[in-house]
Amino acid sequence: MLVMIDKDGVADVYDDTYDIVIHCESEEDQKDAELALKNVRRWIPVTERLPELGEYVLISFSNFTLPCIGRYDEDEKGGAWFNGDETESLVSQDMYVNAWMPLPKPYMAEMEEN
């Protein structure tokens, strides 16, 4: 049990039931861990960063309610978002991507061990 004392000198019991502790060997490891935790299964605004070129990701739209799987690619004209393997950009279809997230790894049934 941990007792915390606030700035006014009032003591309270701190419940650490749901705390997670990550031990890091260096400041660099700590920064890597913080970044990994920030990026776990969350929507990443396109204003924050874009996915790797050609990487399939789940994309969200500012003007459409359902997400879809698509990719961001660049050519000599610049960058654009595409739905799946389509060659027509989403913006040309009046669909505006506002965020994306990495796809989960594909499901693989566990193999029986003999």
PDB file of N, CA and C in Angstrom:
ATOM      1  N   MET A   1       0.849  -1.167   0.000  1.00  0.00           N
ATOM      2  CA  MET A   1       0.000   0.000   0.000  1.00  0.00           C
ATOM      3  C   MET A   1       0.898   1.235   0.000  1.00  0.00           C
ATOM      4  N   LEU A   2       0.504   2.218  -0.765  1.00  0.00           N
ATOM      5  CA  LEU A   2       1.261   3.454  -0.878  1.00  0.00           C
ATOM      6  C   LEU A   2       0.382   4.600  -0.404  1.00  0.00           C
ATOM      7  N   VAL A   3       0.914   5.417   0.466  1.00  0.00           N
ATOM      8  CA  VAL A   3       0.179   6.580   0.953  1.00  0.00           C
ATOM      9  C   VAL A   3       0.759   7.819   0.284  1.00  0.00           C
ATOM     10  N   MET A   4      -0.112   8.596  -0.331  1.00  0.00           N
ATOM     11  CA  MET A   4       0.302   9.816  -1.020  1.00  0.00           C
ATOM     12  C   MET A   4      -0.134  11.021  -0.192  1.00  0.00           C
ATOM     13  N   ILE A   5       0.699  12.028  -0.175  1.00  0.00           N
ATOM     14  CA  ILE A   5       0.363  13.276   0.520  1.00  0.00           C
ATOM     15  C   ILE A   5       0.349  14.376  -0.531  1.00  0.00           C
ATOM     16  N   ASP A   6      -0.814  15.050  -0.658  1.00  0.00           N
ATOM     17  CA  ASP A   6      -0.927  16.092  -1.682  1.00  0.00           C
ATOM     18  C   ASP A   6      -0.279  17.389  -1.214  1.00  0.00           C
ATOM     19  N   LYS A   7      -0.328  18.421  -2.069  1.00  0.00           N
ATOM     20  CA  LYS A   7       0.344  19.693  -1.765  1.00  0.00           C
ATOM     21  C   LYS A   7      -0.227  20.388  -0.539  1.00  0.00           C
ATOM     22  N   ASP A   8      -1.466  20.029  -0.131  1.00  0.00           N
ATOM     23  CA  ASP A   8      -2.080  20.625   1.061  1.00  0.00           C
ATOM     24  C   ASP A   8      -1.808  19.819   2.324  1.00  0.00           C
ATOM     25  N   GLY A   9      -1.026  18.733   2.174  1.00  0.00           N
ATOM     26  CA  GLY A   9      -0.675  17.915   3.324  1.00  0.00           C
ATOM     27  C   GLY A   9      -1.709  16.859   3.659  1.00  0.00           C
ATOM     28  N   VAL A  10      -2.674  16.638   2.780  1.00  0.00           N
ATOM     29  CA  VAL A  10      -3.717  15.648   3.012  1.00  0.00           C
ATOM     30  C   VAL A  10      -3.243  14.301   2.476  1.00  0.00           C
ATOM     31  N   ALA A  11      -3.306  13.291   3.355  1.00  0.00           N
ATOM     32  CA  ALA A  11      -2.864  11.954   2.981  1.00  0.00           C
ATOM     33  C   ALA A  11      -4.022  11.156   2.397  1.00  0.00           C
ATOM     34  N   ASP A  12      -3.698  10.314   1.430  1.00  0.00           N
ATOM     35  CA  ASP A  12      -4.692   9.443   0.813  1.00  0.00           C
ATOM     36  C   ASP A  12      -3.986   8.159   0.394  1.00  0.00           C
ATOM     37  N   VAL A  13      -4.699   7.059   0.395  1.00  0.00           N
ATOM     38  CA  VAL A  13      -4.136   5.780  -0.021  1.00  0.00           C
ATOM     39  C   VAL A  13      -4.166   5.724  -1.541  1.00  0.00           C
ATOM     40  N   TYR A  14      -3.032   5.364  -2.122  1.00  0.00           N
ATOM     41  CA  TYR A  14      -2.932   5.231  -3.583  1.00  0.00           C
ATOM     42  C   TYR A  14      -3.154   3.783  -3.959  1.00  0.00           C
ATOM     43  N   ASP A  15      -4.124   3.539  -4.822  1.00  0.00           N
ATOM     44  CA  ASP A  15      -4.434   2.190  -5.279  1.00  0.00           C
ATOM     45  C   ASP A  15      -3.622   1.916  -6.545  1.00  0.00           C
ATOM     46  N   ASP A  16      -2.661   1.005  -6.454  1.00  0.00           N
ATOM     47  CA  ASP A  16      -1.804   0.701  -7.601  1.00  0.00           C
ATOM     48  C   ASP A  16      -2.237  -0.573  -8.331  1.00  0.00           C
ATOM     49  N   THR A  17      -3.478  -0.994  -8.148  1.00  0.00           N
ATOM     50  CA  THR A  17      -3.980  -2.228  -8.744  1.00  0.00           C
ATOM     51  C   THR A  17      -3.775  -2.265 -10.251  1.00  0.00           C
ATOM     52  N   TYR A  18      -4.016  -1.164 -10.933  1.00  0.00           N
ATOM     53  CA  TYR A  18      -3.957  -1.154 -12.392  1.00  0.00           C
ATOM     54  C   TYR A  18      -2.706  -0.482 -12.947  1.00  0.00           C
ATOM     55  N   ASP A  19      -1.718  -0.271 -12.142  1.00  0.00           N
ATOM     56  CA  ASP A  19      -0.466   0.329 -12.608  1.00  0.00           C
ATOM     57  C   ASP A  19       0.349  -0.684 -13.408  1.00  0.00           C
ATOM     58  N   ILE A  20       1.110  -0.162 -14.345  1.00  0.00           N
ATOM     59  CA  ILE A  20       2.050  -0.966 -15.108  1.00  0.00           C
ATOM     60  C   ILE A  20       3.420  -0.319 -14.946  1.00  0.00           C
ATOM     61  N   VAL A  21       4.413  -1.122 -14.649  1.00  0.00           N
ATOM     62  CA  VAL A  21       5.770  -0.613 -14.493  1.00  0.00           C
ATOM     63  C   VAL A  21       6.635  -1.216 -15.597  1.00  0.00           C
ATOM     64  N   ILE A  22       7.354  -0.363 -16.286  1.00  0.00           N
ATOM     65  CA  ILE A  22       8.268  -0.814 -17.331  1.00  0.00           C
ATOM     66  C   ILE A  22       9.666  -0.368 -16.936  1.00  0.00           C
ATOM     67  N   HIS A  23      10.567  -1.323 -16.785  1.00  0.00           N
ATOM     68  CA  HIS A  23      11.945  -0.988 -16.433  1.00  0.00           C
ATOM     69  C   HIS A  23      12.749  -0.823 -17.716  1.00  0.00           C
ATOM     70  N   CYS A  24      13.440   0.291 -17.828  1.00  0.00           N
ATOM     71  CA  CYS A  24      14.260   0.565 -19.011  1.00  0.00           C
ATOM     72  C   CYS A  24      15.719   0.676 -18.588  1.00  0.00           C
ATOM     73  N   GLU A  25      16.592   0.196 -19.456  1.00  0.00           N
ATOM     74  CA  GLU A  25      18.023   0.218 -19.177  1.00  0.00           C
ATOM     75  C   GLU A  25      18.662   1.560 -19.495  1.00  0.00           C
ATOM     76  N   SER A  26      17.976   2.376 -20.316  1.00  0.00           N
ATOM     77  CA  SER A  26      18.559   3.658 -20.708  1.00  0.00           C
ATOM     78  C   SER A  26      17.450   4.653 -21.025  1.00  0.00           C
ATOM     79  N   GLU A  27      17.830   5.911 -21.171  1.00  0.00           N
ATOM     80  CA  GLU A  27      16.875   6.952 -21.540  1.00  0.00           C
ATOM     81  C   GLU A  27      16.311   6.679 -22.932  1.00  0.00           C
ATOM     82  N   GLU A  28      17.155   6.157 -23.824  1.00  0.00           N
ATOM     83  CA  GLU A  28      16.701   5.828 -25.174  1.00  0.00           C
ATOM     84  C   GLU A  28      15.640   4.724 -25.135  1.00  0.00           C
ATOM     85  N   ASP A  29      15.865   3.691 -24.303  1.00  0.00           N
ATOM     86  CA  ASP A  29      14.873   2.626 -24.143  1.00  0.00           C
ATOM     87  C   ASP A  29      13.564   3.191 -23.604  1.00  0.00           C
ATOM     88  N   GLN A  30      13.669   4.139 -22.678  1.00  0.00           N
ATOM     89  CA  GLN A  30      12.478   4.752 -22.094  1.00  0.00           C
ATOM     90  C   GLN A  30      11.692   5.515 -23.163  1.00  0.00           C
ATOM     91  N   LYS A  31      12.384   6.269 -24.004  1.00  0.00           N
ATOM     92  CA  LYS A  31      11.715   7.014 -25.081  1.00  0.00           C
ATOM     93  C   LYS A  31      11.061   6.057 -26.071  1.00  0.00           C
ATOM     94  N   ASP A  32      11.755   4.946 -26.399  1.00  0.00           N
ATOM     95  CA  ASP A  32      11.179   3.946 -27.294  1.00  0.00           C
ATOM     96  C   ASP A  32       9.916   3.336 -26.689  1.00  0.00           C
ATOM     97  N   ALA A  33       9.951   3.041 -25.392  1.00  0.00           N
ATOM     98  CA  ALA A  33       8.790   2.469 -24.711  1.00  0.00           C
ATOM     99  C   ALA A  33       7.627   3.458 -24.690  1.00  0.00           C
ATOM    100  N   GLU A  34       7.920   4.724 -24.423  1.00  0.00           N
ATOM    101  CA  GLU A  34       6.866   5.750 -24.421  1.00  0.00           C
ATOM    102  C   GLU A  34       6.232   5.876 -25.796  1.00  0.00           C
ATOM    103  N   LEU A  35       7.042   5.871 -26.841  1.00  0.00           N
ATOM    104  CA  LEU A  35       6.528   5.976 -28.203  1.00  0.00           C
ATOM    105  C   LEU A  35       5.667   4.756 -28.551  1.00  0.00           C
ATOM    106  N   ALA A  36       6.129   3.582 -28.166  1.00  0.00           N
ATOM    107  CA  ALA A  36       5.362   2.365 -28.442  1.00  0.00           C
ATOM    108  C   ALA A  36       4.008   2.398 -27.745  1.00  0.00           C
ATOM    109  N   LEU A  37       3.984   2.860 -26.501  1.00  0.00           N
ATOM    110  CA  LEU A  37       2.721   2.943 -25.766  1.00  0.00           C
ATOM    111  C   LEU A  37       1.784   3.975 -26.386  1.00  0.00           C
ATOM    112  N   LYS A  38       2.322   5.081 -26.856  1.00  0.00           N
ATOM    113  CA  LYS A  38       1.500   6.116 -27.472  1.00  0.00           C
ATOM    114  C   LYS A  38       0.889   5.637 -28.780  1.00  0.00           C
ATOM    115  N   ASN A  39       1.593   4.763 -29.488  1.00  0.00           N
ATOM    116  CA  ASN A  39       1.153   4.345 -30.814  1.00  0.00           C
ATOM    117  C   ASN A  39       0.387   3.038 -30.843  1.00  0.00           C
ATOM    118  N   VAL A  40       0.121   2.461 -29.693  1.00  0.00           N
ATOM    119  CA  VAL A  40      -0.586   1.191 -29.669  1.00  0.00           C
ATOM    120  C   VAL A  40      -2.062   1.422 -29.975  1.00  0.00           C
ATOM    121  N   ARG A  41      -2.507   0.856 -31.088  1.00  0.00           N
ATOM    122  CA  ARG A  41      -3.909   0.839 -31.463  1.00  0.00           C
ATOM    123  C   ARG A  41      -4.641   2.149 -31.235  1.00  0.00           C
ATOM    124  N   ARG A  42      -4.119   3.192 -31.798  1.00  0.00           N
ATOM    125  CA  ARG A  42      -4.815   4.472 -31.737  1.00  0.00           C
ATOM    126  C   ARG A  42      -4.829   5.084 -33.124  1.00  0.00           C
ATOM    127  N   TRP A  43      -5.800   5.933 -33.349  1.00  0.00           N
ATOM    128  CA  TRP A  43      -5.860   6.658 -34.607  1.00  0.00           C
ATOM    129  C   TRP A  43      -4.738   7.673 -34.625  1.00  0.00           C
ATOM    130  N   ILE A  44      -4.020   7.737 -35.720  1.00  0.00           N
ATOM    131  CA  ILE A  44      -2.919   8.686 -35.889  1.00  0.00           C
ATOM    132  C   ILE A  44      -3.395   9.750 -36.880  1.00  0.00           C
ATOM    133  N   PRO A  45      -3.530  10.998 -36.424  1.00  0.00           N
ATOM    134  CA  PRO A  45      -3.969  12.040 -37.345  1.00  0.00           C
ATOM    135  C   PRO A  45      -2.968  12.208 -38.493  1.00  0.00           C
ATOM    136  N   VAL A  46      -3.483  12.466 -39.707  1.00  0.00           N
ATOM    137  CA  VAL A  46      -2.589  12.642 -40.853  1.00  0.00           C
ATOM    138  C   VAL A  46      -1.736  13.893 -40.688  1.00  0.00           C
ATOM    139  N   THR A  47      -2.164  14.807 -39.830  1.00  0.00           N
ATOM    140  CA  THR A  47      -1.367  16.003 -39.561  1.00  0.00           C
ATOM    141  C   THR A  47      -0.170  15.689 -38.666  1.00  0.00           C
ATOM    142  N   GLU A  48      -0.231  14.544 -37.965  1.00  0.00           N
ATOM    143  CA  GLU A  48       0.865  14.124 -37.081  1.00  0.00           C
ATOM    144  C   GLU A  48       1.950  13.404 -37.869  1.00  0.00           C
ATOM    145  N   ARG A  49       1.528  12.424 -38.670  1.00  0.00           N
ATOM    146  CA  ARG A  49       2.461  11.699 -39.534  1.00  0.00           C
ATOM    147  C   ARG A  49       1.682  10.806 -40.471  1.00  0.00           C
ATOM    148  N   LEU A  50       2.364  10.360 -41.525  1.00  0.00           N
ATOM    149  CA  LEU A  50       1.767   9.472 -42.522  1.00  0.00           C
ATOM    150  C   LEU A  50       2.386   8.090 -42.410  1.00  0.00           C
ATOM    151  N   PRO A  51       1.689   7.055 -42.884  1.00  0.00           N
ATOM    152  CA  PRO A  51       2.283   5.711 -42.850  1.00  0.00           C
ATOM    153  C   PRO A  51       3.391   5.589 -43.894  1.00  0.00           C
ATOM    154  N   GLU A  52       4.111   4.497 -43.853  1.00  0.00           N
ATOM    155  CA  GLU A  52       5.110   4.208 -44.884  1.00  0.00           C
ATOM    156  C   GLU A  52       4.401   4.159 -46.234  1.00  0.00           C
ATOM    157  N   LEU A  53       5.063   4.619 -47.262  1.00  0.00           N
ATOM    158  CA  LEU A  53       4.472   4.607 -48.606  1.00  0.00           C
ATOM    159  C   LEU A  53       4.053   3.193 -49.001  1.00  0.00           C
ATOM    160  N   GLY A  54       2.824   3.066 -49.496  1.00  0.00           N
ATOM    161  CA  GLY A  54       2.323   1.787 -49.963  1.00  0.00           C
ATOM    162  C   GLY A  54       1.865   0.831 -48.883  1.00  0.00           C
ATOM    163  N   GLU A  55       2.037   1.178 -47.619  1.00  0.00           N
ATOM    164  CA  GLU A  55       1.634   0.305 -46.512  1.00  0.00           C
ATOM    165  C   GLU A  55       0.110   0.335 -46.378  1.00  0.00           C
ATOM    166  N   TYR A  56      -0.508  -0.831 -46.295  1.00  0.00           N
ATOM    167  CA  TYR A  56      -1.958  -0.896 -46.102  1.00  0.00           C
ATOM    168  C   TYR A  56      -2.277  -0.622 -44.639  1.00  0.00           C
ATOM    169  N   VAL A  57      -3.211   0.302 -44.419  1.00  0.00           N
ATOM    170  CA  VAL A  57      -3.599   0.717 -43.076  1.00  0.00           C
ATOM    171  C   VAL A  57      -5.116   0.897 -43.028  1.00  0.00           C
ATOM    172  N   LEU A  58      -5.651   0.983 -41.832  1.00  0.00           N
ATOM    173  CA  LEU A  58      -7.053   1.314 -41.650  1.00  0.00           C
ATOM    174  C   LEU A  58      -7.160   2.832 -41.703  1.00  0.00           C
ATOM    175  N   ILE A  59      -8.058   3.354 -42.528  1.00  0.00           N
ATOM    176  CA  ILE A  59      -8.159   4.803 -42.666  1.00  0.00           C
ATOM    177  C   ILE A  59      -9.540   5.296 -42.256  1.00  0.00           C
ATOM    178  N   SER A  60      -9.546   6.475 -41.670  1.00  0.00           N
ATOM    179  CA  SER A  60     -10.754   7.142 -41.197  1.00  0.00           C
ATOM    180  C   SER A  60     -10.965   8.395 -42.035  1.00  0.00           C
ATOM    181  N   PHE A  61     -12.210   8.800 -42.156  1.00  0.00           N
ATOM    182  CA  PHE A  61     -12.542   9.952 -42.985  1.00  0.00           C
ATOM    183  C   PHE A  61     -13.227  11.049 -42.177  1.00  0.00           C
ATOM    184  N   SER A  62     -13.006  12.286 -42.577  1.00  0.00           N
ATOM    185  CA  SER A  62     -13.682  13.400 -41.928  1.00  0.00           C
ATOM    186  C   SER A  62     -15.115  13.543 -42.428  1.00  0.00           C
ATOM    187  N   ASN A  63     -15.430  12.941 -43.565  1.00  0.00           N
ATOM    188  CA  ASN A  63     -16.757  13.123 -44.152  1.00  0.00           C
ATOM    189  C   ASN A  63     -17.450  11.802 -44.506  1.00  0.00           C
ATOM    190  N   PHE A  64     -17.044  10.713 -43.871  1.00  0.00           N
ATOM    191  CA  PHE A  64     -17.649   9.414 -44.130  1.00  0.00           C
ATOM    192  C   PHE A  64     -17.541   8.603 -42.852  1.00  0.00           C
ATOM    193  N   THR A  65     -18.586   7.855 -42.485  1.00  0.00           N
ATOM    194  CA  THR A  65     -18.621   7.233 -41.165  1.00  0.00           C
ATOM    195  C   THR A  65     -17.892   5.901 -41.045  1.00  0.00           C
ATOM    196  N   LEU A  66     -17.711   5.168 -42.144  1.00  0.00           N
ATOM    197  CA  LEU A  66     -17.071   3.857 -42.055  1.00  0.00           C
ATOM    198  C   LEU A  66     -15.591   3.934 -42.426  1.00  0.00           C
ATOM    199  N   PRO A  67     -14.725   3.330 -41.640  1.00  0.00           N
ATOM    200  CA  PRO A  67     -13.311   3.272 -42.039  1.00  0.00           C
ATOM    201  C   PRO A  67     -13.141   2.222 -43.130  1.00  0.00           C
ATOM    202  N   CYS A  68     -12.004   2.258 -43.804  1.00  0.00           N
ATOM    203  CA  CYS A  68     -11.696   1.241 -44.810  1.00  0.00           C
ATOM    204  C   CYS A  68     -10.192   0.983 -44.805  1.00  0.00           C
ATOM    205  N   ILE A  69      -9.807  -0.041 -45.530  1.00  0.00           N
ATOM    206  CA  ILE A  69      -8.389  -0.361 -45.667  1.00  0.00           C
ATOM    207  C   ILE A  69      -7.885   0.311 -46.933  1.00  0.00           C
ATOM    208  N   GLY A  70      -6.814   1.040 -46.788  1.00  0.00           N
ATOM    209  CA  GLY A  70      -6.252   1.748 -47.923  1.00  0.00           C
ATOM    210  C   GLY A  70      -4.773   1.966 -47.736  1.00  0.00           C
ATOM    211  N   ARG A  71      -4.228   2.854 -48.557  1.00  0.00           N
ATOM    212  CA  ARG A  71      -2.785   3.118 -48.510  1.00  0.00           C
ATOM    213  C   ARG A  71      -2.528   4.561 -48.935  1.00  0.00           C
ATOM    214  N   TYR A  72      -1.348   5.048 -48.536  1.00  0.00           N
ATOM    215  CA  TYR A  72      -0.895   6.366 -48.956  1.00  0.00           C
ATOM    216  C   TYR A  72       0.284   6.145 -49.896  1.00  0.00           C
ATOM    217  N   ASP A  73       0.239   6.762 -51.070  1.00  0.00           N
ATOM    218  CA  ASP A  73       1.328   6.627 -52.038  1.00  0.00           C
ATOM    219  C   ASP A  73       1.666   7.990 -52.617  1.00  0.00           C
ATOM    220  N   GLU A  74       2.860   8.100 -53.142  1.00  0.00           N
ATOM    221  CA  GLU A  74       3.297   9.339 -53.783  1.00  0.00           C
ATOM    222  C   GLU A  74       3.760   9.052 -55.200  1.00  0.00           C
ATOM    223  N   ASP A  75       3.589  10.054 -56.061  1.00  0.00           N
ATOM    224  CA  ASP A  75       4.143   9.994 -57.403  1.00  0.00           C
ATOM    225  C   ASP A  75       4.721  11.371 -57.717  1.00  0.00           C
ATOM    226  N   GLU A  76       4.992  11.650 -58.981  1.00  0.00           N
ATOM    227  CA  GLU A  76       5.594  12.941 -59.338  1.00  0.00           C
ATOM    228  C   GLU A  76       4.682  14.128 -59.020  1.00  0.00           C
ATOM    229  N   LYS A  77       3.384  13.880 -58.868  1.00  0.00           N
ATOM    230  CA  LYS A  77       2.431  14.953 -58.545  1.00  0.00           C
ATOM    231  C   LYS A  77       2.295  15.182 -57.048  1.00  0.00           C
ATOM    232  N   GLY A  78       2.794  14.278 -56.240  1.00  0.00           N
ATOM    233  CA  GLY A  78       2.665  14.401 -54.792  1.00  0.00           C
ATOM    234  C   GLY A  78       2.042  13.156 -54.193  1.00  0.00           C
ATOM    235  N   GLY A  79       1.494  13.309 -52.987  1.00  0.00           N
ATOM    236  CA  GLY A  79       0.932  12.171 -52.277  1.00  0.00           C
ATOM    237  C   GLY A  79      -0.578  12.136 -52.342  1.00  0.00           C
ATOM    238  N   ALA A  80      -1.126  10.936 -52.208  1.00  0.00           N
ATOM    239  CA  ALA A  80      -2.572  10.761 -52.213  1.00  0.00           C
ATOM    240  C   ALA A  80      -2.938   9.463 -51.492  1.00  0.00           C
ATOM    241  N   TRP A  81      -4.159   9.423 -50.984  1.00  0.00           N
ATOM    242  CA  TRP A  81      -4.715   8.238 -50.341  1.00  0.00           C
ATOM    243  C   TRP A  81      -5.531   7.451 -51.360  1.00  0.00           C
ATOM    244  N   PHE A  82      -5.451   6.127 -51.262  1.00  0.00           N
ATOM    245  CA  PHE A  82      -6.173   5.242 -52.166  1.00  0.00           C
ATOM    246  C   PHE A  82      -6.893   4.170 -51.360  1.00  0.00           C
ATOM    247  N   ASN A  83      -8.064   3.772 -51.824  1.00  0.00           N
ATOM    248  CA  ASN A  83      -8.819   2.695 -51.211  1.00  0.00           C
ATOM    249  C   ASN A  83      -8.277   1.373 -51.743  1.00  0.00           C
ATOM    250  N   GLY A  84      -7.798   0.506 -50.863  1.00  0.00           N
ATOM    251  CA  GLY A  84      -7.277  -0.799 -51.268  1.00  0.00           C
ATOM    252  C   GLY A  84      -6.256  -0.697 -52.380  1.00  0.00           C
ATOM    253  N   ASP A  85      -6.478  -1.442 -53.466  1.00  0.00           N
ATOM    254  CA  ASP A  85      -5.574  -1.437 -54.617  1.00  0.00           C
ATOM    255  C   ASP A  85      -6.033  -0.498 -55.729  1.00  0.00           C
ATOM    256  N   GLU A  86      -7.029   0.326 -55.445  1.00  0.00           N
ATOM    257  CA  GLU A  86      -7.565   1.240 -56.459  1.00  0.00           C
ATOM    258  C   GLU A  86      -6.485   2.215 -56.939  1.00  0.00           C
ATOM    259  N   THR A  87      -6.654   2.719 -58.141  1.00  0.00           N
ATOM    260  CA  THR A  87      -5.711   3.689 -58.700  1.00  0.00           C
ATOM    261  C   THR A  87      -6.273   5.109 -58.701  1.00  0.00           C
ATOM    262  N   GLU A  88      -7.574   5.235 -58.423  1.00  0.00           N
ATOM    263  CA  GLU A  88      -8.194   6.558 -58.327  1.00  0.00           C
ATOM    264  C   GLU A  88      -8.108   7.025 -56.882  1.00  0.00           C
ATOM    265  N   SER A  89      -7.604   8.229 -56.667  1.00  0.00           N
ATOM    266  CA  SER A  89      -7.407   8.716 -55.299  1.00  0.00           C
ATOM    267  C   SER A  89      -8.743   8.921 -54.586  1.00  0.00           C
ATOM    268  N   LEU A  90      -8.720   8.820 -53.283  1.00  0.00           N
ATOM    269  CA  LEU A  90      -9.931   9.035 -52.496  1.00  0.00           C
ATOM    270  C   LEU A  90     -10.410  10.482 -52.571  1.00  0.00           C
ATOM    271  N   VAL A  91      -9.476  11.428 -52.623  1.00  0.00           N
ATOM    272  CA  VAL A  91      -9.887  12.832 -52.690  1.00  0.00           C
ATOM    273  C   VAL A  91     -10.631  13.113 -53.993  1.00  0.00           C
ATOM    274  N   SER A  92     -10.303  12.394 -55.070  1.00  0.00           N
ATOM    275  CA  SER A  92     -11.024  12.585 -56.331  1.00  0.00           C
ATOM    276  C   SER A  92     -12.458  12.058 -56.229  1.00  0.00           C
ATOM    277  N   GLN A  93     -12.733  11.258 -55.185  1.00  0.00           N
ATOM    278  CA  GLN A  93     -14.076  10.737 -54.912  1.00  0.00           C
ATOM    279  C   GLN A  93     -14.738  11.517 -53.772  1.00  0.00           C
ATOM    280  N   ASP A  94     -14.146  12.688 -53.445  1.00  0.00           N
ATOM    281  CA  ASP A  94     -14.645  13.542 -52.352  1.00  0.00           C
ATOM    282  C   ASP A  94     -14.653  12.838 -51.002  1.00  0.00           C
ATOM    283  N   MET A  95     -13.640  11.994 -50.753  1.00  0.00           N
ATOM    284  CA  MET A  95     -13.467  11.336 -49.457  1.00  0.00           C
ATOM    285  C   MET A  95     -12.142  11.826 -48.886  1.00  0.00           C
ATOM    286  N   TYR A  96     -12.202  12.365 -47.667  1.00  0.00           N
ATOM    287  CA  TYR A  96     -11.041  13.030 -47.080  1.00  0.00           C
ATOM    288  C   TYR A  96     -10.553  12.276 -45.847  1.00  0.00           C
ATOM    289  N   VAL A  97      -9.344  11.758 -45.928  1.00  0.00           N
ATOM    290  CA  VAL A  97      -8.740  10.992 -44.842  1.00  0.00           C
ATOM    291  C   VAL A  97      -8.264  11.960 -43.765  1.00  0.00           C
ATOM    292  N   ASN A  98      -8.669  11.680 -42.515  1.00  0.00           N
ATOM    293  CA  ASN A  98      -8.224  12.513 -41.405  1.00  0.00           C
ATOM    294  C   ASN A  98      -7.319  11.764 -40.424  1.00  0.00           C
ATOM    295  N   ALA A  99      -7.333  10.420 -40.471  1.00  0.00           N
ATOM    296  CA  ALA A  99      -6.500   9.644 -39.546  1.00  0.00           C
ATOM    297  C   ALA A  99      -6.344   8.222 -40.077  1.00  0.00           C
ATOM    298  N   TRP A 100      -5.369   7.511 -39.518  1.00  0.00           N
ATOM    299  CA  TRP A 100      -5.099   6.135 -39.915  1.00  0.00           C
ATOM    300  C   TRP A 100      -4.556   5.366 -38.728  1.00  0.00           C
ATOM    301  N   MET A 101      -4.568   4.041 -38.831  1.00  0.00           N
ATOM    302  CA  MET A 101      -3.937   3.198 -37.815  1.00  0.00           C
ATOM    303  C   MET A 101      -3.413   1.934 -38.479  1.00  0.00           C
ATOM    304  N   PRO A 102      -2.325   1.385 -37.943  1.00  0.00           N
ATOM    305  CA  PRO A 102      -1.783   0.147 -38.521  1.00  0.00           C
ATOM    306  C   PRO A 102      -2.806  -0.982 -38.435  1.00  0.00           C
ATOM    307  N   LEU A 103      -2.751  -1.876 -39.388  1.00  0.00           N
ATOM    308  CA  LEU A 103      -3.613  -3.054 -39.358  1.00  0.00           C
ATOM    309  C   LEU A 103      -3.059  -4.056 -38.353  1.00  0.00           C
ATOM    310  N   PRO A 104      -3.921  -4.824 -37.721  1.00  0.00           N
ATOM    311  CA  PRO A 104      -3.408  -5.889 -36.852  1.00  0.00           C
ATOM    312  C   PRO A 104      -2.761  -6.965 -37.702  1.00  0.00           C
ATOM    313  N   LYS A 105      -1.938  -7.785 -37.075  1.00  0.00           N
ATOM    314  CA  LYS A 105      -1.339  -8.903 -37.791  1.00  0.00           C
ATOM    315  C   LYS A 105      -2.452  -9.884 -38.171  1.00  0.00           C
ATOM    316  N   PRO A 106      -2.331 -10.533 -39.327  1.00  0.00           N
ATOM    317  CA  PRO A 106      -3.365 -11.495 -39.745  1.00  0.00           C
ATOM    318  C   PRO A 106      -3.489 -12.637 -38.737  1.00  0.00           C
ATOM    319  N   TYR A 107      -4.700 -13.155 -38.602  1.00  0.00           N
ATOM    320  CA  TYR A 107      -4.953 -14.279 -37.714  1.00  0.00           C
ATOM    321  C   TYR A 107      -4.264 -15.527 -38.241  1.00  0.00           C
ATOM    322  N   MET A 108      -3.648 -16.262 -37.342  1.00  0.00           N
ATOM    323  CA  MET A 108      -3.061 -17.560 -37.693  1.00  0.00           C
ATOM    324  C   MET A 108      -3.439 -18.530 -36.585  1.00  0.00           C
ATOM    325  N   ALA A 109      -4.125 -19.605 -36.955  1.00  0.00           N
ATOM    326  CA  ALA A 109      -4.521 -20.611 -35.964  1.00  0.00           C
ATOM    327  C   ALA A 109      -3.274 -21.185 -35.321  1.00  0.00           C
ATOM    328  N   GLU A 110      -3.394 -21.443 -34.031  1.00  0.00           N
ATOM    329  CA  GLU A 110      -2.267 -22.055 -33.342  1.00  0.00           C
ATOM    330  C   GLU A 110      -2.062 -23.468 -33.843  1.00  0.00           C
ATOM    331  N   MET A 111      -0.813 -23.803 -34.073  1.00  0.00           N
ATOM    332  CA  MET A 111      -0.492 -25.144 -34.574  1.00  0.00           C
ATOM    333  C   MET A 111      -0.467 -26.110 -33.395  1.00  0.00           C
ATOM    334  N   GLU A 112      -1.029 -27.306 -33.610  1.00  0.00           N
ATOM    335  CA  GLU A 112      -0.954 -28.327 -32.569  1.00  0.00           C
ATOM    336  C   GLU A 112       0.449 -28.870 -32.495  1.00  0.00           C
ATOM    337  N   GLU A 113       0.947 -28.982 -31.284  1.00  0.00           N
ATOM    338  CA  GLU A 113       2.282 -29.549 -31.119  1.00  0.00           C
ATOM    339  C   GLU A 113       2.153 -31.040 -30.820  1.00  0.00           C
ATOM    340  N   ASN A 114       2.966 -31.848 -31.506  1.00  0.00           N
ATOM    341  CA  ASN A 114       2.934 -33.296 -31.299  1.00  0.00           C
ATOM    342  C   ASN A 114       3.856 -33.707 -30.206  1.00  0.00           C
TER     343      ASN A 114
END
